[in-house]
C-alpha atoms as a PDB file:
ATOM      1  CA  UNK A   1       0.121   0.132   0.150  1.00  0.00           C
ATOM      2  CA  UNK A   2       1.329   3.629  -0.702  1.00  0.00           C
ATOM      3  CA  UNK A   3      -1.805   5.673   0.666  1.00  0.00           C
ATOM      4  CA  UNK A   4      -4.547   4.458  -0.417  1.00  0.00           C
ATOM      5  CA  UNK A   5      -2.969   2.660  -3.624  1.00  0.00           C
ATOM      6  CA  UNK A   6      -2.369  -1.028  -3.757  1.00  0.00           C
ATOM      7  CA  UNK A   7       0.872  -2.909  -5.489  1.00  0.00           C
ATOM      8  CA  UNK A   8      -0.034  -5.971  -6.656  1.00  0.00           C
ATOM      9  CA  UNK A   9       2.239  -9.052  -7.029  1.00  0.00           C
ATOM     10  CA  UNK A  10       1.844  -8.780 -10.730  1.00  0.00           C
ATOM     11  CA  UNK A  11       2.956  -5.273 -10.638  1.00  0.00           C
ATOM     12  CA  UNK A  12       6.328  -6.438  -9.114  1.00  0.00           C
ATOM     13  CA  UNK A  13       6.623  -9.537 -10.877  1.00  0.00           C
ATOM     14  CA  UNK A  14       6.579  -7.904 -14.391  1.00  0.00           C
ATOM     15  CA  UNK A  15       7.060 -10.158 -17.860  1.00  0.00           C
ATOM     16  CA  UNK A  16      11.178  -9.097 -17.540  1.00  0.00           C
ATOM     17  CA  UNK A  17      11.597 -10.109 -13.775  1.00  0.00           C
ATOM     18  CA  UNK A  18       9.754 -13.460 -14.492  1.00  0.00           C
ATOM     19  CA  UNK A  19      11.327 -14.262 -17.107  1.00  0.00           C
ATOM     20  CA  UNK A  20      14.481 -14.045 -15.348  1.00  0.00           C
ATOM     21  CA  UNK A  21      13.412 -15.903 -12.128  1.00  0.00           C
ATOM     22  CA  UNK A  22      12.363 -18.593 -14.665  1.00  0.00           C
ATOM     23  CA  UNK A  23      15.388 -18.721 -16.758  1.00  0.00           C
ATOM     24  CA  UNK A  24      17.256 -18.598 -12.759  1.00  0.00           C
ATOM     25  CA  UNK A  25      15.236 -21.591 -11.303  1.00  0.00           C
ATOM     26  CA  UNK A  26      17.332 -24.692 -12.956  1.00  0.00           C
ATOM     27  CA  UNK A  27      21.033 -22.837 -12.611  1.00  0.00           C
ATOM     28  CA  UNK A  28      21.019 -22.635  -8.710  1.00  0.00           C
ATOM     29  CA  UNK A  29      20.896 -24.106  -5.546  1.00  0.00           C
ATOM     30  CA  UNK A  30      17.216 -23.477  -4.339  1.00  0.00           C
ATOM     31  CA  UNK A  31      18.092 -21.714  -1.631  1.00  0.00           C
ATOM     32  CA  UNK A  32      20.584 -19.359  -3.392  1.00  0.00           C
ATOM     33  CA  UNK A  33      17.416 -19.219  -6.498  1.00  0.00           C
ATOM     34  CA  UNK A  34      15.228 -18.065  -3.505  1.00  0.00           C
ATOM     35  CA  UNK A  35      17.304 -15.770  -1.847  1.00  0.00           C
ATOM     36  CA  UNK A  36      18.056 -13.941  -5.323  1.00  0.00           C
ATOM     37  CA  UNK A  37      14.299 -14.266  -6.250  1.00  0.00           C
ATOM     38  CA  UNK A  38      13.413 -12.294  -3.004  1.00  0.00           C
ATOM     39  CA  UNK A  39      16.425  -9.947  -4.033  1.00  0.00           C
ATOM     40  CA  UNK A  40      15.175  -9.561  -7.217  1.00  0.00           C
ATOM     41  CA  UNK A  41      11.183  -8.864  -5.857  1.00  0.00           C
ATOM     42  CA  UNK A  42      12.246  -6.603  -2.849  1.00  0.00           C
ATOM     43  CA  UNK A  43      13.961  -4.625  -5.774  1.00  0.00           C
ATOM     44  CA  UNK A  44      11.876  -4.200  -8.041  1.00  0.00           C
ATOM     45  CA  UNK A  45       8.694  -3.287  -5.607  1.00  0.00           C
ATOM     46  CA  UNK A  46      11.138  -0.613  -3.963  1.00  0.00           C
ATOM     47  CA  UNK A  47      11.371   1.445  -7.885  1.00  0.00           C
ATOM     48  CA  UNK A  48       7.353   0.482  -7.956  1.00  0.00           C
ATOM     49  CA  UNK A  49       7.325   2.250  -4.770  1.00  0.00           C
ATOM     50  CA  UNK A  50       8.819   5.331  -5.619  1.00  0.00           C
ATOM     51  CA  UNK A  51       7.266   5.306  -8.671  1.00  0.00           C
ATOM     52  CA  UNK A  52       3.934   5.618  -7.035  1.00  0.00           C
ATOM     53  CA  UNK A  53       5.122   8.121  -4.547  1.00  0.00           C
ATOM     54  CA  UNK A  54       6.616  10.209  -7.076  1.00  0.00           C
ATOM     55  CA  UNK A  55       3.480  10.078  -9.440  1.00  0.00           C
ATOM     56  CA  UNK A  56       0.818  11.149  -6.230  1.00  0.00           C
ATOM     57  CA  UNK A  57       2.992  14.029  -5.636  1.00  0.00           C
ATOM     58  CA  UNK A  58       2.532  15.062  -9.408  1.00  0.00           C
ATOM     59  CA  UNK A  59      -0.838  14.975  -8.952  1.00  0.00           C
ATOM     60  CA  UNK A  60      -1.051  16.788  -5.964  1.00  0.00           C
ATOM     61  CA  UNK A  61       0.345  19.452  -7.812  1.00  0.00           C
ATOM     62  CA  UNK A  62      -0.751  19.151 -11.573  1.00  0.00           C
ATOM     63  CA  UNK A  63      -4.372  21.055 -11.885  1.00  0.00           C
ATOM     64  CA  UNK A  64      -6.902  18.391 -12.429  1.00  0.00           C
ATOM     65  CA  UNK A  65      -7.627  19.891 -16.468  1.00  0.00           C
ATOM     66  CA  UNK A  66      -3.624  19.461 -16.803  1.00  0.00           C
ATOM     67  CA  UNK A  67      -3.910  15.413 -15.682  1.00  0.00           C
ATOM     68  CA  UNK A  68      -6.452  14.236 -18.790  1.00  0.00           C
ATOM     69  CA  UNK A  69      -3.603  15.922 -21.146  1.00  0.00           C
ATOM     70  CA  UNK A  70      -0.943  14.519 -19.030  1.00  0.00           C
ATOM     71  CA  UNK A  71      -2.408  11.103 -19.198  1.00  0.00           C
ATOM     72  CA  UNK A  72      -3.029  11.539 -22.896  1.00  0.00           C
ATOM     73  CA  UNK A  73       0.424  12.685 -24.071  1.00  0.00           C
ATOM     74  CA  UNK A  74       2.598   9.868 -21.896  1.00  0.00           C
ATOM     75  CA  UNK A  75      -0.111   7.251 -23.751  1.00  0.00           C
ATOM     76  CA  UNK A  76       0.880   8.634 -27.017  1.00  0.00           C
ATOM     77  CA  UNK A  77       4.359   8.638 -26.233  1.00  0.00           C
ATOM     78  CA  UNK A  78       3.698   4.950 -25.200  1.00  0.00           C
ATOM     79  CA  UNK A  79       2.220   3.670 -28.377  1.00  0.00           C
ATOM     80  CA  UNK A  80       4.567   5.791 -30.471  1.00  0.00           C
ATOM     81  CA  UNK A  81       8.371   4.770 -28.921  1.00  0.00           C
ATOM     82  CA  UNK A  82       7.663   1.789 -26.568  1.00  0.00           C
ATOM     83  CA  UNK A  83       4.713  -0.673 -27.936  1.00  0.00           C
ATOM     84  CA  UNK A  84       6.592  -1.650 -31.495  1.00  0.00           C
ATOM     85  CA  UNK A  85      10.096  -2.122 -29.626  1.00  0.00           C
ATOM     86  CA  UNK A  86       7.664  -4.584 -27.037  1.00  0.00           C
ATOM     87  CA  UNK A  87       6.517  -6.423 -29.968  1.00  0.00           C
ATOM     88  CA  UNK A  88       9.797  -6.542 -31.748  1.00  0.00           C
ATOM     89  CA  UNK A  89      11.757  -8.018 -28.065  1.00  0.00           C
ATOM     90  CA  UNK A  90       9.027 -10.880 -27.811  1.00  0.00           C
ATOM     91  CA  UNK A  91       8.620 -11.495 -31.509  1.00  0.00           C
ATOM     92  CA  UNK A  92       4.722 -10.221 -31.479  1.00  0.00           C
ATOM     93  CA  UNK A  93       2.997 -10.131 -34.842  1.00  0.00           C
ATOM     94  CA  UNK A  94       0.245  -8.470 -33.713  1.00  0.00           C
ATOM     95  CA  UNK A  95      -0.816  -5.569 -30.840  1.00  0.00           C
ATOM     96  CA  UNK A  96      -3.476  -8.440 -29.606  1.00  0.00           C
ATOM     97  CA  UNK A  97      -0.527 -11.616 -29.711  1.00  0.00           C
ATOM     98  CA  UNK A  98       1.480  -9.190 -27.294  1.00  0.00           C
ATOM     99  CA  UNK A  99      -1.079  -8.881 -25.144  1.00  0.00           C
ATOM    100  CA  UNK A 100      -1.401 -12.574 -25.229  1.00  0.00           C
ATOM    101  CA  UNK A 101       1.878 -12.991 -24.573  1.00  0.00           C
ATOM    102  CA  UNK A 102       2.621 -10.612 -21.122  1.00  0.00           C
ATOM    103  CA  UNK A 103      -0.930 -12.624 -19.624  1.00  0.00           C
ATOM    104  CA  UNK A 104       0.659 -15.996 -19.797  1.00  0.00           C
ATOM    105  CA  UNK A 105       3.211 -13.929 -17.637  1.00  0.00           C
ATOM    106  CA  UNK A 106       0.290 -12.875 -15.861  1.00  0.00           C
ATOM    107  CA  UNK A 107       0.491  -9.406 -16.579  1.00  0.00           C
ATOM    108  CA  UNK A 108      -1.295  -7.869 -19.668  1.00  0.00           C
ATOM    109  CA  UNK A 109      -0.520  -4.665 -22.346  1.00  0.00           C
ATOM    110  CA  UNK A 110      -2.648  -2.339 -20.799  1.00  0.00           C
ATOM    111  CA  UNK A 111      -1.081  -3.118 -17.241  1.00  0.00           C
ATOM    112  CA  UNK A 112       2.342  -2.891 -18.867  1.00  0.00           C
ATOM    113  CA  UNK A 113       1.459   0.194 -20.030  1.00  0.00           C
ATOM    114  CA  UNK A 114       0.333   2.176 -17.178  1.00  0.00           C
ATOM    115  CA  UNK A 115       2.869   0.548 -15.233  1.00  0.00           C
ATOM    116  CA  UNK A 116       4.945   2.551 -18.795  1.00  0.00           C
ATOM    117  CA  UNK A 117       3.298   5.771 -18.311  1.00  0.00           C
ATOM    118  CA  UNK A 118       3.763   6.293 -14.599  1.00  0.00           C
ATOM    119  CA  UNK A 119       7.578   5.719 -14.972  1.00  0.00           C
ATOM    120  CA  UNK A 120       8.211   8.362 -17.355  1.00  0.00           C
ATOM    121  CA  UNK A 121       5.974  10.809 -15.877  1.00  0.00           C
ATOM    122  CA  UNK A 122       8.048   9.765 -12.313  1.00  0.00           C
ATOM    123  CA  UNK A 123      10.889  10.201 -14.205  1.00  0.00           C
ATOM    124  CA  UNK A 124       9.988  13.737 -16.038  1.00  0.00           C
ATOM    125  CA  UNK A 125       8.409  14.896 -12.324  1.00  0.00           C
ATOM    126  CA  UNK A 126      11.703  14.438 -10.671  1.00  0.00           C
ATOM    127  CA  UNK A 127      13.568  15.815 -13.025  1.00  0.00           C
ATOM    128  CA  UNK A 128      11.485  19.732 -12.566  1.00  0.00           C
ATOM    129  CA  UNK A 129      11.834  18.833  -8.899  1.00  0.00           C
ATOM    130  CA  UNK A 130      15.471  18.096  -8.592  1.00  0.00           C
ATOM    131  CA  UNK A 131      17.859  20.995 -10.177  1.00  0.00           C
ATOM    132  CA  UNK A 132      21.865  20.562  -8.767  1.00  0.00           C
ATOM    133  CA  UNK A 133      24.187  23.252  -8.641  1.00  0.00           C
ATOM    134  CA  UNK A 134      25.894  22.163 -11.636  1.00  0.00           C
ATOM    135  CA  UNK A 135      28.550  24.592 -10.562  1.00  0.00           C
ATOM    136  CA  UNK A 136      31.799  23.111  -9.921  1.00  0.00           C
ATOM    137  CA  UNK A 137      34.909  24.981  -8.389  1.00  0.00           C
ATOM    138  CA  UNK A 138      38.323  23.627  -9.180  1.00  0.00           C
ATOM    139  CA  UNK A 139      38.968  23.469  -5.721  1.00  0.00           C
ATOM    140  CA  UNK A 140      35.659  21.155  -4.770  1.00  0.00           C
ATOM    141  CA  UNK A 141      37.226  18.472  -7.913  1.00  0.00           C
ATOM    142  CA  UNK A 142      41.159  18.747  -6.514  1.00  0.00           C
ATOM    143  CA  UNK A 143      39.481  17.863  -2.672  1.00  0.00           C
ATOM    144  CA  UNK A 144      37.344  14.870  -4.876  1.00  0.00           C
ATOM    145  CA  UNK A 145      40.152  13.504  -6.806  1.00  0.00           C
ATOM    146  CA  UNK A 146      42.671  13.483  -3.920  1.00  0.00           C
ATOM    147  CA  UNK A 147      39.421  11.696  -1.606  1.00  0.00           C
ATOM    148  CA  UNK A 148      38.972   8.897  -4.596  1.00  0.00           C
ATOM    149  CA  UNK A 149      42.214   8.459  -5.646  1.00  0.00           C
ATOM    150  CA  UNK A 150      42.155   4.938  -6.680  1.00  0.00           C
ATOM    151  CA  UNK A 151      38.930   5.442  -8.651  1.00  0.00           C
ATOM    152  CA  UNK A 152      41.300   7.077 -11.440  1.00  0.00           C
ATOM    153  CA  UNK A 153      43.956   4.282 -10.756  1.00  0.00           C
ATOM    154  CA  UNK A 154      43.921   1.598 -13.658  1.00  0.00           C
ATOM    155  CA  UNK A 155      45.435  -2.232 -12.816  1.00  0.00           C
ATOM    156  CA  UNK A 156      48.119  -3.307 -14.097  1.00  0.00           C
ATOM    157  CA  UNK A 157      47.420  -5.945 -17.142  1.00  0.00           C
ATOM    158  CA  UNK A 158      49.365  -7.892 -19.530  1.00  0.00           C
ATOM    159  CA  UNK A 159      48.325 -10.431 -22.446  1.00  0.00           C
ATOM    160  CA  UNK A 160      49.859 -13.657 -22.640  1.00  0.00           C
ATOM    161  CA  UNK A 161      50.394 -17.187 -24.694  1.00  0.00           C
ATOM    162  CA  UNK A 162      49.893 -20.614 -22.290  1.00  0.00           C
ATOM    163  CA  UNK A 163      50.498 -24.529 -22.913  1.00  0.00           C
ATOM    164  CA  UNK A 164      48.338 -26.291 -20.098  1.00  0.00           C
ATOM    165  CA  UNK A 165      48.343 -29.670 -19.083  1.00  0.00           C
ATOM    166  CA  UNK A 166      45.699 -31.122 -17.252  1.00  0.00           C
ATOM    167  CA  UNK A 167      46.272 -33.866 -14.312  1.00  0.00           C
ATOM    168  CA  UNK A 168      43.732 -35.921 -15.017  1.00  0.00           C
ATOM    169  CA  UNK A 169      44.952 -37.043 -18.568  1.00  0.00           C
ATOM    170  CA  UNK A 170      47.700 -38.621 -17.150  1.00  0.00           C
ATOM    171  CA  UNK A 171      48.511 -41.592 -15.103  1.00  0.00           C
ATOM    172  CA  UNK A 172      50.404 -39.685 -12.676  1.00  0.00           C
ATOM    173  CA  UNK A 173      51.923 -35.534 -12.143  1.00  0.00           C
ATOM    174  CA  UNK A 174      55.518 -37.043 -13.157  1.00  0.00           C
ATOM    175  CA  UNK A 175      54.174 -37.863 -16.384  1.00  0.00           C
ATOM    176  CA  UNK A 176      51.818 -34.630 -16.753  1.00  0.00           C
ATOM    177  CA  UNK A 177      55.015 -33.062 -15.712  1.00  0.00           C
ATOM    178  CA  UNK A 178      57.120 -34.578 -17.951  1.00  0.00           C
ATOM    179  CA  UNK A 179      54.459 -33.548 -20.953  1.00  0.00           C
ATOM    180  CA  UNK A 180      54.095 -30.338 -20.407  1.00  0.00           C
ATOM    181  CA  UNK A 181      58.339 -30.573 -20.186  1.00  0.00           C
ATOM    182  CA  UNK A 182      57.703 -32.072 -23.525  1.00  0.00           C
ATOM    183  CA  UNK A 183      55.672 -29.040 -24.997  1.00  0.00           C
ATOM    184  CA  UNK A 184      57.894 -26.436 -23.719  1.00  0.00           C
ATOM    185  CA  UNK A 185      60.884 -27.855 -25.213  1.00  0.00           C
ATOM    186  CA  UNK A 186      59.374 -27.882 -28.622  1.00  0.00           C
ATOM    187  CA  UNK A 187      58.873 -23.891 -28.782  1.00  0.00           C
ATOM    188  CA  UNK A 188      62.575 -23.606 -27.175  1.00  0.00           C
ATOM    189  CA  UNK A 189      63.530 -25.051 -30.502  1.00  0.00           C
ATOM    190  CA  UNK A 190      61.220 -23.376 -32.440  1.00  0.00           C
ATOM    191  CA  UNK A 191      58.061 -24.232 -33.062  1.00  0.00           C
ATOM    192  CA  UNK A 192      55.428 -21.717 -32.825  1.00  0.00           C
ATOM    193  CA  UNK A 193      53.598 -21.719 -29.115  1.00  0.00           C
ATOM    194  CA  UNK A 194      50.269 -20.962 -31.057  1.00  0.00           C
ATOM    195  CA  UNK A 195      51.029 -24.243 -33.451  1.00  0.00           C
ATOM    196  CA  UNK A 196      51.997 -26.161 -30.006  1.00  0.00           C
ATOM    197  CA  UNK A 197      48.958 -24.733 -28.241  1.00  0.00           C
ATOM    198  CA  UNK A 198      46.403 -26.200 -30.846  1.00  0.00           C
ATOM    199  CA  UNK A 199      48.141 -29.665 -31.450  1.00  0.00           C
ATOM    200  CA  UNK A 200      48.705 -30.746 -27.760  1.00  0.00           C
ATOM    201  CA  UNK A 201      47.846 -28.078 -24.918  1.00  0.00           C
ATOM    202  CA  UNK A 202      44.965 -29.125 -22.627  1.00  0.00           C
ATOM    203  CA  UNK A 203      44.240 -24.997 -22.150  1.00  0.00           C
ATOM    204  CA  UNK A 204      40.705 -23.511 -22.669  1.00  0.00           C
ATOM    205  CA  UNK A 205      42.088 -21.424 -25.652  1.00  0.00           C
ATOM    206  CA  UNK A 206      44.439 -24.148 -27.319  1.00  0.00           C
ATOM    207  CA  UNK A 207      42.358 -24.069 -30.453  1.00  0.00           C
ATOM    208  CA  UNK A 208      43.027 -20.069 -30.712  1.00  0.00           C
ATOM    209  CA  UNK A 209      46.800 -20.968 -30.116  1.00  0.00           C
ATOM    210  CA  UNK A 210      47.023 -20.453 -26.475  1.00  0.00           C
ATOM    211  CA  UNK A 211      46.298 -16.627 -26.399  1.00  0.00           C
ATOM    212  CA  UNK A 212      45.055 -14.857 -23.585  1.00  0.00           C
ATOM    213  CA  UNK A 213      43.872 -11.545 -23.868  1.00  0.00           C
ATOM    214  CA  UNK A 214      44.240  -8.835 -21.398  1.00  0.00           C
ATOM    215  CA  UNK A 215      44.240 -10.147 -18.006  1.00  0.00           C
ATOM    216  CA  UNK A 216      43.856  -7.710 -15.060  1.00  0.00           C
ATOM    217  CA  UNK A 217      46.490  -8.338 -11.834  1.00  0.00           C
ATOM    218  CA  UNK A 218      44.838 -10.333  -8.800  1.00  0.00           C
ATOM    219  CA  UNK A 219      41.862 -11.603 -11.738  1.00  0.00           C
ATOM    220  CA  UNK A 220      43.012 -15.291 -12.036  1.00  0.00           C
ATOM    221  CA  UNK A 221      42.114 -18.154 -10.021  1.00  0.00           C
ATOM    222  CA  UNK A 222      45.433 -19.484 -10.341  1.00  0.00           C
ATOM    223  CA  UNK A 223      47.568 -17.225  -7.892  1.00  0.00           C
ATOM    224  CA  UNK A 224      51.043 -18.697  -9.473  1.00  0.00           C
ATOM    225  CA  UNK A 225      50.592 -17.484 -13.005  1.00  0.00           C
ATOM    226  CA  UNK A 226      49.101 -14.511 -11.981  1.00  0.00           C
ATOM    227  CA  UNK A 227      52.404 -13.957 -10.008  1.00  0.00           C
ATOM    228  CA  UNK A 228      54.170 -15.559 -13.453  1.00  0.00           C
ATOM    229  CA  UNK A 229      52.888 -13.088 -15.934  1.00  0.00           C
ATOM    230  CA  UNK A 230      53.517  -9.686 -13.947  1.00  0.00           C
ATOM    231  CA  UNK A 231      56.861 -10.464 -13.561  1.00  0.00           C
ATOM    232  CA  UNK A 232      57.697 -12.935 -15.978  1.00  0.00           C
ATOM    233  CA  UNK A 233      60.219 -10.480 -18.535  1.00  0.00           C
ATOM    234  CA  UNK A 234      58.238  -9.786 -21.749  1.00  0.00           C
ATOM    235  CA  UNK A 235      59.190 -12.953 -24.752  1.00  0.00           C
ATOM    236  CA  UNK A 236      60.686 -15.019 -22.123  1.00  0.00           C
ATOM    237  CA  UNK A 237      58.990 -18.712 -22.002  1.00  0.00           C
ATOM    238  CA  UNK A 238      58.374 -19.669 -17.946  1.00  0.00           C
ATOM    239  CA  UNK A 239      59.388 -21.974 -15.797  1.00  0.00           C
ATOM    240  CA  UNK A 240      57.048 -25.195 -15.258  1.00  0.00           C
ATOM    241  CA  UNK A 241      54.290 -24.055 -12.931  1.00  0.00           C
ATOM    242  CA  UNK A 242      52.146 -26.046 -11.573  1.00  0.00           C
ATOM    243  CA  UNK A 243      48.721 -25.199 -11.120  1.00  0.00           C
ATOM    244  CA  UNK A 244      45.406 -26.427  -8.712  1.00  0.00           C
ATOM    245  CA  UNK A 245      44.533 -28.284 -12.074  1.00  0.00           C
ATOM    246  CA  UNK A 246      47.488 -28.724 -14.378  1.00  0.00           C
ATOM    247  CA  UNK A 247      50.570 -27.756 -15.107  1.00  0.00           C
ATOM    248  CA  UNK A 248      51.168 -24.893 -17.557  1.00  0.00           C
ATOM    249  CA  UNK A 249      54.215 -22.926 -19.303  1.00  0.00           C
ATOM    250  CA  UNK A 250      52.911 -19.136 -20.266  1.00  0.00           C
ATOM    251  CA  UNK A 251      54.753 -16.675 -22.020  1.00  0.00           C
ATOM    252  CA  UNK A 252      54.037 -12.501 -21.539  1.00  0.00           C
ATOM    253  CA  UNK A 253      53.347 -11.054 -24.828  1.00  0.00           C
ATOM    254  CA  UNK A 254      52.134  -7.259 -24.033  1.00  0.00           C
ATOM    255  CA  UNK A 255      51.679  -5.615 -20.955  1.00  0.00           C
ATOM    256  CA  UNK A 256      50.707  -2.291 -18.906  1.00  0.00           C
ATOM    257  CA  UNK A 257      51.729  -0.990 -15.617  1.00  0.00           C
ATOM    258  CA  UNK A 258      49.571  -0.030 -13.253  1.00  0.00           C
ATOM    259  CA  UNK A 259      48.876   3.837 -13.529  1.00  0.00           C
ATOM    260  CA  UNK A 260      46.743   6.544 -12.070  1.00  0.00           C
ATOM    261  CA  UNK A 261      44.829   9.031 -14.431  1.00  0.00           C
ATOM    262  CA  UNK A 262      46.348  12.393 -14.113  1.00  0.00           C
ATOM    263  CA  UNK A 263      44.282  14.885 -12.365  1.00  0.00           C
ATOM    264  CA  UNK A 264      44.203  17.208 -15.469  1.00  0.00           C
ATOM    265  CA  UNK A 265      42.860  14.284 -17.329  1.00  0.00           C
ATOM    266  CA  UNK A 266      40.583  13.389 -14.669  1.00  0.00           C
ATOM    267  CA  UNK A 267      38.959  16.701 -14.357  1.00  0.00           C
ATOM    268  CA  UNK A 268      35.781  15.912 -17.165  1.00  0.00           C
ATOM    269  CA  UNK A 269      34.849  13.098 -14.951  1.00  0.00           C
ATOM    270  CA  UNK A 270      35.334  14.151 -11.966  1.00  0.00           C
ATOM    271  CA  UNK A 271      32.941  17.336 -12.160  1.00  0.00           C
ATOM    272  CA  UNK A 272      30.305  14.065 -13.675  1.00  0.00           C
ATOM    273  CA  UNK A 273      30.645  12.567 -11.065  1.00  0.00           C
ATOM    274  CA  UNK A 274      30.055  15.380  -8.377  1.00  0.00           C
ATOM    275  CA  UNK A 275      27.149  16.819  -9.904  1.00  0.00           C
ATOM    276  CA  UNK A 276      25.992  13.046 -10.287  1.00  0.00           C
ATOM    277  CA  UNK A 277      26.283  12.995  -6.304  1.00  0.00           C
ATOM    278  CA  UNK A 278      24.315  16.182  -5.770  1.00  0.00           C
ATOM    279  CA  UNK A 279      21.753  14.861  -7.801  1.00  0.00           C
ATOM    280  CA  UNK A 280      21.448  11.591  -6.214  1.00  0.00           C
ATOM    281  CA  UNK A 281      21.462  13.341  -2.625  1.00  0.00           C
ATOM    282  CA  UNK A 282      18.948  15.727  -4.099  1.00  0.00           C
ATOM    283  CA  UNK A 283      16.618  12.795  -5.014  1.00  0.00           C
ATOM    284  CA  UNK A 284      17.246  10.776  -1.443  1.00  0.00           C
ATOM    285  CA  UNK A 285      16.002  13.941  -0.008  1.00  0.00           C
ATOM    286  CA  UNK A 286      12.806  14.419  -2.331  1.00  0.00           C
ATOM    287  CA  UNK A 287      11.720  10.901  -1.616  1.00  0.00           C
ATOM    288  CA  UNK A 288      12.551  10.691   2.448  1.00  0.00           C
ATOM    289  CA  UNK A 289      10.073  13.380   2.345  1.00  0.00           C
ATOM    290  CA  UNK A 290       7.644  11.700   0.037  1.00  0.00           C
ATOM    291  CA  UNK A 291       7.576   8.766   2.760  1.00  0.00           C
ATOM    292  CA  UNK A 292       6.685  11.128   5.589  1.00  0.00           C
ATOM    293  CA  UNK A 293       3.709  12.301   4.347  1.00  0.00           C
ATOM    294  CA  UNK A 294       2.850   9.102   2.417  1.00  0.00           C
ATOM    295  CA  UNK A 295       1.986   5.682   4.740  1.00  0.00           C
ATOM    296  CA  UNK A 296       3.678   2.904   3.347  1.00  0.00           C
ATOM    297  CA  UNK A 297       3.269  -0.774   3.958  1.00  0.00           C
ATOM    298  CA  UNK A 298       4.191  -4.036   2.506  1.00  0.00           C
ATOM    299  CA  UNK A 299       3.672  -7.881   3.252  1.00  0.00           C
ATOM    300  CA  UNK A 300       7.149  -7.540   3.977  1.00  0.00           C
ATOM    301  CA  UNK A 301       6.760  -5.309   7.293  1.00  0.00           C
ATOM    302  CA  UNK A 302       5.231  -5.609  10.526  1.00  0.00           C
ATOM    303  CA  UNK A 303       1.627  -3.672  10.117  1.00  0.00           C
ATOM    304  CA  UNK A 304       2.737  -1.128  11.998  1.00  0.00           C
ATOM    305  CA  UNK A 305       5.940   0.018  10.403  1.00  0.00           C
ATOM    306  CA  UNK A 306       6.968   1.481   7.704  1.00  0.00           C
ATOM    307  CA  UNK A 307       8.477   0.003   4.416  1.00  0.00           C
ATOM    308  CA  UNK A 308      11.809  -0.881   5.184  1.00  0.00           C
ATOM    309  CA  UNK A 309      13.952  -2.693   2.455  1.00  0.00           C
ATOM    310  CA  UNK A 310      16.537  -5.178   3.097  1.00  0.00           C
ATOM    311  CA  UNK A 311      18.495  -4.317  -0.482  1.00  0.00           C
ATOM    312  CA  UNK A 312      19.299  -0.897  -1.678  1.00  0.00           C
ATOM    313  CA  UNK A 313      16.846  -0.017  -4.650  1.00  0.00           C
ATOM    314  CA  UNK A 314      18.497   0.984  -7.817  1.00  0.00           C
ATOM    315  CA  UNK A 315      17.027   4.618  -8.950  1.00  0.00           C
ATOM    316  CA  UNK A 316      19.040   4.747 -12.496  1.00  0.00           C
ATOM    317  CA  UNK A 317      15.721   5.396 -13.751  1.00  0.00           C
ATOM    318  CA  UNK A 318      15.289   8.921 -12.504  1.00  0.00           C
ATOM    319  CA  UNK A 319      18.942   9.694 -12.167  1.00  0.00           C
ATOM    320  CA  UNK A 320      18.924  11.175 -15.964  1.00  0.00           C
END
């Protein structure tokens, strides 16, 4: 309940949400699936609550004679911009076909249209209510840069090649080690590493000649390989590396060290971040004010309490 308006399950478990839930059900353990499902529902519910809070504020402000015009314009906008897009995404042959497919998900075209119009109204209304000061001084940008210096750092990264022998394919580790040694010796003798990888490597990129694309420092599961590719001289074949599932030999083809973007290069980004933070703060304050004047209750709450969501909402549609 948002004031006197009711939010039903079908308003929250929208077709995209329901489709995602159905696709995810068999991909994860039951407990994990249930936790993900509830998180998704709560996030969707929070967005719906905020949309209604904002549209109710708009209704209190817009004169009654203008409200019909607003609804008409939003409806026309949906018909002109969204309907055709939805039909293509759903492979619907007609408007009626789209409505039928939506009803299979417990929704309808009319319900989707109404929700879209309310969301668009909320987005436009927030833009009018929230107008942050876009003037950002040089000192403010310098302070932000010093405080968030890590945000402007780029991790070291490397491109590399790999030969790999899986323990599982050999009767013993000694046999696997001998096999990886033979592959390395072929490369040392002049054979292209890519050819050796394609014919004998067990690595996941063997078919591509063992080539690995840019890899950020610290991103590999195998720490031993991670350490080697960020310390080995470029172009040099490594010693045999013992990993969790097999032996590896690697060669780094390109590497970039960690760097921090200079302040002068980061100024535009810093300004945009500051303006965005100001806007988000104003939106939070605006929504807090709306919640104090309109009672909100959900099935996740005790009936005597206000809505307190367990997961932070994503208000990106209102941030533009």
